[in-house]
Amino acid sequence: MDRTELGTMLRTWRARVRPGDVGLPAGVRRRTPGLRREEVAQLAGMSVDYLSRLEQGRGPHPSDAVLSALARALRLEAVERDHLFRLAGVAPPGPGRISRAVRPSVLRLIDRFTDLPAMLINARTDVLAWNPMAAALFGDFSTVPAERRNVARDRFLEGRSRNVPSSEQDRQRLGRAMVADLRSATARYPDDPELARLISDLRDGSAEFAGFWDEREMTDHHDDRKTFAHPEIGAITLDCDALHVFSDDQVLLVYSATPGSPDAESLALLRVLGTQELQVSTGD
């Protein structure tokens, strides 16, 4: 791990990213070029102190999940992301492994969904990127360690999911479909150690998951209607559409409501609440 060069590159990459590139206001008192440390830390879901230590060449050895989060926050291209990994003494994601890397072009697409919740997941159901509306709907993913931002883990182990199926039959159907997605992923990535670890944790920690896994049922479920229990606006039912990023084996989930419906009004209210809660300070 080349701590000195890693810190230099992190500062260099941070200085070149404009606030508007990542959906943040520029502000009138901004004296530093690019993003502030606290802004990168928020985007990457880590503490400012942790990022400061990395930039100052005295940080700990970061995991691949942390490095991937930094690469997304700094909008690094693939060759830059690989350089980041090597400076940290970590092998870049290679063939046969599920990557956490996100193309800058996909991040720009997510930024365009200003009034709809959108989040990107990989074949392991890791949450890779999200917009403010998704954070308003599901909760702020940045408060969860990067290694544990996972839809299946939330559903079967953590109990953080706000998805409320309309019936027990729907709950069973959606649970089986999620397990089927992971079983399909194990066939495509038989040598991915993080996927194997996730499956083991889920089987050991959730009797429901273990039962679904042993059924070996294969189904699909991404495009669906889902009801969410939001702590402030109450129940909201949204259409979920899956946009596949085939080259990276990732899925962009976008949630919308029928125009003029009560759910569309709730979605508009959610946007206001999310803006109030997630706004980044523009002061020095």
Protein backbone atom coordinates (compact mmCIF):
# COMPACT_ATOMS: atom_id res chain seq x y z
CA MET A 1 0.00 0.00 0.00
CA ASP A 2 1.52 3.31 -1.13
CA ARG A 3 -0.11 5.60 1.44
CA THR A 4 1.62 8.77 0.28
CA GLU A 5 0.69 8.43 -3.38
CA LEU A 6 -2.79 7.19 -2.49
CA GLY A 7 -3.38 10.34 -0.45
CA THR A 8 -2.06 12.55 -3.24
CA MET A 9 -4.27 10.94 -5.86
CA LEU A 10 -7.36 11.14 -3.66
CA ARG A 11 -6.79 14.87 -3.18
CA THR A 12 -6.14 15.34 -6.92
CA TRP A 13 -9.28 13.48 -7.94
CA ARG A 14 -11.36 15.31 -5.34
CA ALA A 15 -10.20 18.69 -6.61
CA ARG A 16 -11.30 18.03 -10.18
CA VAL A 17 -14.92 17.00 -9.41
CA ARG A 18 -17.34 19.90 -9.57
CA PRO A 19 -20.28 19.93 -7.14
CA GLY A 20 -22.72 19.98 -10.05
CA ASP A 21 -21.17 16.73 -11.36
CA VAL A 22 -22.54 14.90 -8.33
CA GLY A 23 -25.77 16.83 -7.84
CA LEU A 24 -24.54 19.18 -5.11
CA PRO A 25 -25.01 22.97 -5.01
CA ALA A 26 -21.85 25.00 -5.63
CA GLY A 27 -22.63 27.59 -2.97
CA VAL A 28 -21.31 31.15 -2.85
CA ARG A 29 -18.55 30.72 -0.26
CA ARG A 30 -16.70 27.79 -1.80
CA ARG A 31 -12.98 28.54 -1.77
CA THR A 32 -11.55 25.11 -2.55
CA PRO A 33 -11.60 23.63 -6.06
CA GLY A 34 -13.76 20.58 -6.53
CA LEU A 35 -15.47 18.84 -3.64
CA ARG A 36 -14.90 19.30 0.07
CA ARG A 37 -13.79 16.32 2.12
CA GLU A 38 -17.12 16.14 3.93
CA GLU A 39 -18.94 15.98 0.59
CA VAL A 40 -16.82 13.09 -0.69
CA ALA A 41 -17.20 11.35 2.67
CA GLN A 42 -20.97 11.69 2.49
CA LEU A 43 -21.10 10.44 -1.10
CA ALA A 44 -18.88 7.47 -0.25
CA GLY A 45 -20.67 6.68 3.01
CA MET A 46 -17.66 7.06 5.33
CA SER A 47 -16.57 9.40 8.08
CA VAL A 48 -14.72 12.63 7.30
CA ASP A 49 -11.98 11.55 9.73
CA TYR A 50 -11.45 8.28 7.83
CA LEU A 51 -11.15 10.12 4.50
CA SER A 52 -8.85 12.75 6.04
CA ARG A 53 -6.48 10.05 7.26
CA LEU A 54 -6.41 8.42 3.82
CA GLU A 55 -5.69 11.74 2.13
CA GLN A 56 -2.93 12.52 4.64
CA GLY A 57 -1.21 9.20 4.00
CA ARG A 58 -1.86 7.77 7.47
CA GLY A 59 -5.06 5.86 6.95
CA PRO A 60 -5.81 2.17 7.53
CA HIS A 61 -5.83 -0.44 4.79
CA PRO A 62 -9.16 0.16 2.98
CA SER A 63 -11.33 -2.73 1.83
CA ASP A 64 -12.42 -3.21 -1.76
CA ALA A 65 -15.91 -2.03 -0.77
CA VAL A 66 -14.50 1.24 0.58
CA LEU A 67 -12.32 1.69 -2.51
CA SER A 68 -15.29 1.07 -4.79
CA ALA A 69 -17.33 3.64 -2.85
CA LEU A 70 -14.53 6.19 -3.24
CA ALA A 71 -14.26 5.45 -6.96
CA ARG A 72 -17.99 6.11 -7.37
CA ALA A 73 -17.91 9.29 -5.29
CA LEU A 74 -14.97 10.65 -7.30
CA ARG A 75 -16.45 9.53 -10.65
CA LEU A 76 -13.33 7.58 -11.61
CA GLU A 77 -13.02 5.88 -14.97
CA ALA A 78 -12.12 2.16 -15.04
CA VAL A 79 -8.37 2.73 -15.48
CA GLU A 80 -8.37 5.25 -12.61
CA ARG A 81 -10.36 2.90 -10.39
CA ASP A 82 -7.84 0.11 -11.01
CA HIS A 83 -5.00 2.50 -10.17
CA LEU A 84 -6.77 3.42 -6.92
CA PHE A 85 -7.04 -0.26 -5.97
CA ARG A 86 -3.37 -0.93 -6.73
CA LEU A 87 -2.20 2.08 -4.71
CA ALA A 88 -4.17 0.67 -1.78
CA GLY A 89 -2.53 -2.73 -2.23
CA VAL A 90 -5.77 -4.38 -3.37
CA ALA A 91 -6.23 -6.32 -6.59
CA PRO A 92 -8.73 -4.61 -8.92
CA PRO A 93 -11.95 -6.51 -9.63
CA GLY A 94 -11.18 -9.20 -12.21
CA PRO A 95 -13.05 -11.69 -14.38
CA GLY A 96 -15.26 -14.09 -12.49
CA ARG A 97 -15.86 -11.68 -9.61
CA ILE A 98 -18.90 -9.48 -9.00
CA SER A 99 -17.77 -5.90 -9.26
CA ARG A 100 -18.86 -2.95 -7.15
CA ALA A 101 -17.55 -0.53 -9.77
CA VAL A 102 -20.07 1.79 -11.40
CA ARG A 103 -19.58 3.51 -14.73
CA PRO A 104 -19.62 7.33 -14.52
CA SER A 105 -22.17 7.29 -17.36
CA VAL A 106 -24.53 5.20 -15.20
CA LEU A 107 -24.04 7.61 -12.30
CA ARG A 108 -24.96 10.49 -14.61
CA LEU A 109 -28.11 8.60 -15.60
CA ILE A 110 -29.06 8.12 -11.95
CA ASP A 111 -28.57 11.85 -11.38
CA ARG A 112 -31.18 12.54 -14.07
CA PHE A 113 -33.93 10.90 -12.01
CA THR A 114 -34.47 13.95 -9.84
CA ASP A 115 -38.10 13.21 -9.00
CA LEU A 116 -38.01 9.38 -8.93
CA PRO A 117 -36.22 7.02 -6.53
CA ALA A 118 -33.45 5.14 -8.34
CA MET A 119 -30.78 2.78 -7.07
CA LEU A 120 -28.25 0.45 -8.66
CA ILE A 121 -27.56 -3.09 -7.45
CA ASN A 122 -25.16 -5.76 -8.66
CA ALA A 123 -25.61 -9.52 -9.01
CA ARG A 124 -24.89 -9.93 -5.30
CA THR A 125 -27.70 -7.43 -4.50
CA ASP A 126 -25.16 -4.95 -3.13
CA VAL A 127 -26.50 -1.39 -3.25
CA LEU A 128 -23.90 0.42 -5.36
CA ALA A 129 -25.41 3.85 -6.02
CA TRP A 130 -28.59 5.75 -5.29
CA ASN A 131 -30.09 9.19 -5.68
CA PRO A 132 -31.53 11.45 -2.93
CA MET A 133 -35.07 10.22 -3.68
CA ALA A 134 -34.00 6.61 -3.06
CA ALA A 135 -32.40 7.64 0.23
CA ALA A 136 -35.64 9.42 1.17
CA LEU A 137 -37.67 6.30 0.37
CA PHE A 138 -35.43 3.57 1.79
CA GLY A 139 -33.35 5.45 4.34
CA ASP A 140 -29.87 6.93 3.98
CA PHE A 141 -27.61 4.15 2.70
CA SER A 142 -24.54 6.22 3.57
CA THR A 143 -25.15 5.50 7.26
CA VAL A 144 -24.61 1.77 6.62
CA PRO A 145 -21.03 0.45 6.17
CA ALA A 146 -20.29 -0.17 2.50
CA GLU A 147 -19.74 -3.89 3.11
CA ARG A 148 -23.27 -4.27 4.51
CA ARG A 149 -25.30 -2.30 1.95
CA ASN A 150 -27.10 -5.30 0.56
CA VAL A 151 -30.76 -5.79 -0.32
CA ALA A 152 -30.88 -9.49 0.56
CA ARG A 153 -29.13 -8.90 3.88
CA ASP A 154 -31.67 -6.20 4.72
CA ARG A 155 -34.57 -8.44 3.74
CA PHE A 156 -33.56 -11.60 5.58
CA LEU A 157 -31.17 -10.55 8.38
CA GLU A 158 -31.23 -6.87 9.30
CA GLY A 159 -34.92 -6.02 9.21
CA ARG A 160 -34.27 -2.58 7.71
CA SER A 161 -36.43 -3.08 4.61
CA ARG A 162 -39.44 -0.75 4.27
CA ASN A 163 -40.99 -2.95 1.58
CA VAL A 164 -44.38 -4.12 2.86
CA PRO A 165 -45.99 -6.80 0.62
CA SER A 166 -49.76 -6.49 0.37
CA SER A 167 -50.19 -10.11 1.50
CA GLU A 168 -48.22 -13.00 2.93
CA GLN A 169 -48.45 -14.58 -0.51
CA ASP A 170 -46.68 -11.55 -2.01
CA ARG A 171 -44.05 -11.65 0.73
CA GLN A 172 -43.34 -15.29 -0.06
CA ARG A 173 -43.25 -14.62 -3.81
CA LEU A 174 -40.84 -11.70 -3.53
CA GLY A 175 -38.63 -13.58 -1.08
CA ARG A 176 -38.39 -16.58 -3.36
CA ALA A 177 -37.63 -14.36 -6.34
CA MET A 178 -34.76 -12.66 -4.49
CA VAL A 179 -33.32 -16.03 -3.53
CA ALA A 180 -33.65 -17.18 -7.15
CA ASP A 181 -31.64 -14.12 -8.24
CA LEU A 182 -28.84 -15.09 -5.87
CA ARG A 183 -28.92 -18.73 -6.98
CA SER A 184 -28.61 -17.58 -10.57
CA ALA A 185 -25.66 -15.38 -9.56
CA THR A 186 -23.85 -18.35 -8.00
CA ALA A 187 -24.03 -20.11 -11.37
CA ARG A 188 -22.53 -17.08 -13.15
CA TYR A 189 -19.93 -16.38 -10.44
CA PRO A 190 -19.01 -19.71 -8.82
CA ASP A 191 -15.65 -18.35 -7.61
CA ASP A 192 -16.84 -15.08 -6.07
CA PRO A 193 -15.88 -15.29 -2.36
CA GLU A 194 -18.12 -12.44 -1.20
CA LEU A 195 -21.16 -14.05 -2.81
CA ALA A 196 -20.35 -17.38 -1.17
CA ARG A 197 -19.96 -15.61 2.18
CA LEU A 198 -23.29 -13.80 1.75
CA ILE A 199 -25.13 -17.04 0.93
CA SER A 200 -23.56 -18.72 3.96
CA ASP A 201 -24.55 -15.85 6.26
CA LEU A 202 -28.11 -15.85 4.93
CA ARG A 203 -28.52 -19.61 5.27
CA ASP A 204 -27.13 -19.61 8.80
CA GLY A 205 -29.01 -16.50 9.95
CA SER A 206 -32.42 -16.89 8.31
CA ALA A 207 -34.52 -20.04 8.39
CA GLU A 208 -36.78 -18.41 5.81
CA PHE A 209 -33.91 -17.90 3.38
CA ALA A 210 -32.60 -21.42 3.99
CA GLY A 211 -36.04 -22.84 3.22
CA PHE A 212 -36.35 -20.87 -0.01
CA TRP A 213 -32.79 -21.81 -1.00
CA ASP A 214 -33.46 -25.52 -0.56
CA GLU A 215 -36.60 -25.27 -2.73
CA ARG A 216 -34.38 -24.35 -5.74
CA GLU A 217 -37.23 -22.45 -7.39
CA MET A 218 -36.23 -20.10 -10.22
CA THR A 219 -38.34 -17.00 -10.96
CA ASP A 220 -38.01 -13.30 -11.83
CA HIS A 221 -39.42 -10.33 -9.96
CA HIS A 222 -37.69 -7.01 -10.65
CA ASP A 223 -40.55 -5.39 -12.59
CA ASP A 224 -43.33 -5.22 -10.03
CA ARG A 225 -45.59 -3.03 -7.90
CA LYS A 226 -44.35 -2.62 -4.36
CA THR A 227 -45.76 -0.98 -1.25
CA PHE A 228 -43.46 0.81 1.18
CA ALA A 229 -44.10 1.90 4.75
CA HIS A 230 -42.49 5.31 5.06
CA PRO A 231 -42.17 6.67 8.62
CA GLU A 232 -43.41 10.14 7.64
CA ILE A 233 -45.70 9.84 4.61
CA GLY A 234 -47.14 6.41 5.41
CA ALA A 235 -47.86 3.69 2.86
CA ILE A 236 -46.91 4.40 -0.75
CA THR A 237 -47.31 1.96 -3.66
CA LEU A 238 -44.94 2.37 -6.60
CA ASP A 239 -44.16 0.65 -9.88
CA CYS A 240 -40.65 -0.80 -9.93
CA ASP A 241 -38.93 -1.03 -13.32
CA ALA A 242 -35.54 -2.69 -13.80
CA LEU A 243 -33.08 -1.25 -16.32
CA HIS A 244 -30.30 -3.75 -16.97
CA VAL A 245 -26.68 -2.66 -17.42
CA PHE A 246 -25.77 -5.87 -19.22
CA SER A 247 -22.04 -5.29 -19.64
CA ASP A 248 -21.59 -4.94 -15.86
CA ASP A 249 -24.36 -7.36 -14.78
CA GLN A 250 -26.08 -4.63 -12.79
CA VAL A 251 -29.70 -3.51 -12.46
CA LEU A 252 -30.95 0.05 -12.09
CA LEU A 253 -34.24 0.00 -10.16
CA VAL A 254 -36.50 3.01 -10.79
CA TYR A 255 -39.71 3.63 -8.82
CA SER A 256 -42.63 5.68 -10.14
CA ALA A 257 -46.34 6.31 -9.60
CA THR A 258 -49.30 6.86 -11.93
CA PRO A 259 -49.62 10.62 -12.64
CA GLY A 260 -52.43 12.26 -10.67
CA SER A 261 -52.75 9.35 -8.22
CA PRO A 262 -52.49 9.67 -4.43
CA ASP A 263 -49.22 7.78 -4.65
CA ALA A 264 -47.87 10.38 -7.09
CA GLU A 265 -48.78 13.08 -4.56
CA SER A 266 -46.98 11.10 -1.85
CA LEU A 267 -43.95 10.78 -4.13
CA ALA A 268 -43.92 14.56 -4.63
CA LEU A 269 -44.06 15.03 -0.84
CA LEU A 270 -41.23 12.54 -0.47
CA ARG A 271 -39.09 14.67 -2.76
CA VAL A 272 -39.62 17.71 -0.53
CA LEU A 273 -38.84 15.75 2.64
CA GLY A 274 -35.78 14.18 1.06
CA THR A 275 -34.42 17.54 -0.04
CA GLN A 276 -34.80 18.91 3.48
CA GLU A 277 -33.14 15.92 5.13
CA LEU A 278 -30.27 15.26 2.73
CA GLN A 279 -29.19 18.76 1.76
CA VAL A 280 -25.46 19.30 2.14
CA SER A 281 -24.31 22.49 3.85
CA THR A 282 -22.81 25.00 1.42
CA GLY A 283 -20.91 26.94 4.06
CA ASP A 284 -17.18 26.63 4.76
